[in-house]
Amino acid sequence: MLMAHPAVLKNLVEQYETLRMLQAEDGGPEVRQRMDDLAYTLCVATGTGDVDAALIAARHRLPGARPQDDSLLSA
């Protein structure tokens, strides 16, 4: 499986989290579509099937992530 570069993963995670905050405050159809696009891209880039698993996998691949750290699983 191809692995996305950590910089790409970081960017995708940051974009998704920012849009998730916007969606909670004032999400329109454009925000929802962009979130869906980012979720799909994160899933493809991490080899996962849902956005929550993709976010966890992406964070574990970022520089500084500790392989034994499962604190993100309870988030």
Protein backbone atom coordinates (compact mmCIF):
# COMPACT_ATOMS: atom_id res chain seq x y z
CA MET A 1 0.00 0.00 0.00
CA LEU A 2 1.26 3.48 -0.79
CA MET A 3 1.78 5.70 2.22
CA ALA A 4 0.91 9.38 2.18
CA HIS A 5 3.65 11.78 3.19
CA PRO A 6 3.28 13.00 6.80
CA ALA A 7 3.00 16.61 5.60
CA VAL A 8 0.04 15.65 3.41
CA LEU A 9 -1.63 13.79 6.28
CA LYS A 10 -1.10 16.73 8.63
CA ASN A 11 -2.68 19.09 6.12
CA LEU A 12 -5.68 16.81 5.57
CA VAL A 13 -6.26 16.37 9.31
CA GLU A 14 -6.01 20.11 9.94
CA GLN A 15 -8.43 20.91 7.12
CA TYR A 16 -10.94 18.29 8.28
CA GLU A 17 -10.83 19.46 11.90
CA THR A 18 -11.24 23.10 10.86
CA LEU A 19 -14.22 22.28 8.69
CA ARG A 20 -15.73 20.12 11.43
CA MET A 21 -15.70 23.20 13.67
CA LEU A 22 -17.29 25.30 10.92
CA GLN A 23 -19.92 22.65 10.33
CA ALA A 24 -20.87 22.78 14.00
CA GLU A 25 -21.18 26.56 13.88
CA ASP A 26 -22.47 27.43 10.42
CA GLY A 27 -22.14 24.57 7.98
CA GLY A 28 -23.59 24.90 4.54
CA PRO A 29 -23.64 22.47 1.63
CA GLU A 30 -20.18 23.57 0.48
CA VAL A 31 -18.68 22.81 3.88
CA ARG A 32 -20.41 19.42 4.01
CA GLN A 33 -19.16 18.51 0.51
CA ARG A 34 -15.60 19.53 1.35
CA MET A 35 -15.75 17.49 4.57
CA ASP A 36 -16.96 14.47 2.61
CA ASP A 37 -14.13 14.93 0.11
CA LEU A 38 -11.54 15.23 2.88
CA ALA A 39 -12.96 12.20 4.71
CA TYR A 40 -12.71 10.13 1.52
CA THR A 41 -9.15 11.32 0.88
CA LEU A 42 -8.11 10.55 4.46
CA CYS A 43 -9.59 7.05 4.18
CA VAL A 44 -7.74 6.37 0.92
CA ALA A 45 -4.49 7.84 2.25
CA THR A 46 -4.59 5.71 5.40
CA GLY A 47 -6.19 2.54 4.05
CA THR A 48 -9.16 2.78 6.40
CA GLY A 49 -12.90 2.58 5.90
CA ASP A 50 -14.25 5.44 8.01
CA VAL A 51 -13.13 8.94 8.88
CA ASP A 52 -12.65 8.32 12.60
CA ALA A 53 -10.27 5.43 11.92
CA ALA A 54 -8.56 7.52 9.23
CA LEU A 55 -7.96 10.40 11.63
CA ILE A 56 -6.46 8.05 14.22
CA ALA A 57 -4.26 6.36 11.62
CA ALA A 58 -3.13 9.70 10.19
CA ARG A 59 -2.25 11.09 13.61
CA HIS A 60 -0.20 8.00 14.41
CA ARG A 61 1.82 8.53 11.23
CA LEU A 62 2.67 12.15 12.02
CA PRO A 63 6.12 13.05 13.32
CA GLY A 64 6.26 12.85 17.09
CA ALA A 65 3.47 10.30 17.40
CA ARG A 66 4.24 7.59 19.89
CA PRO A 67 3.42 4.12 18.52
CA GLN A 68 2.21 2.90 21.92
CA ASP A 69 -0.03 5.94 22.49
CA ASP A 70 -3.67 4.92 22.20
CA SER A 71 -5.08 8.05 23.82
CA LEU A 72 -6.62 9.06 20.49
CA LEU A 73 -8.83 5.99 20.53
CA SER A 74 -10.93 7.39 23.37
CA ALA A 75 -11.31 10.84 21.77
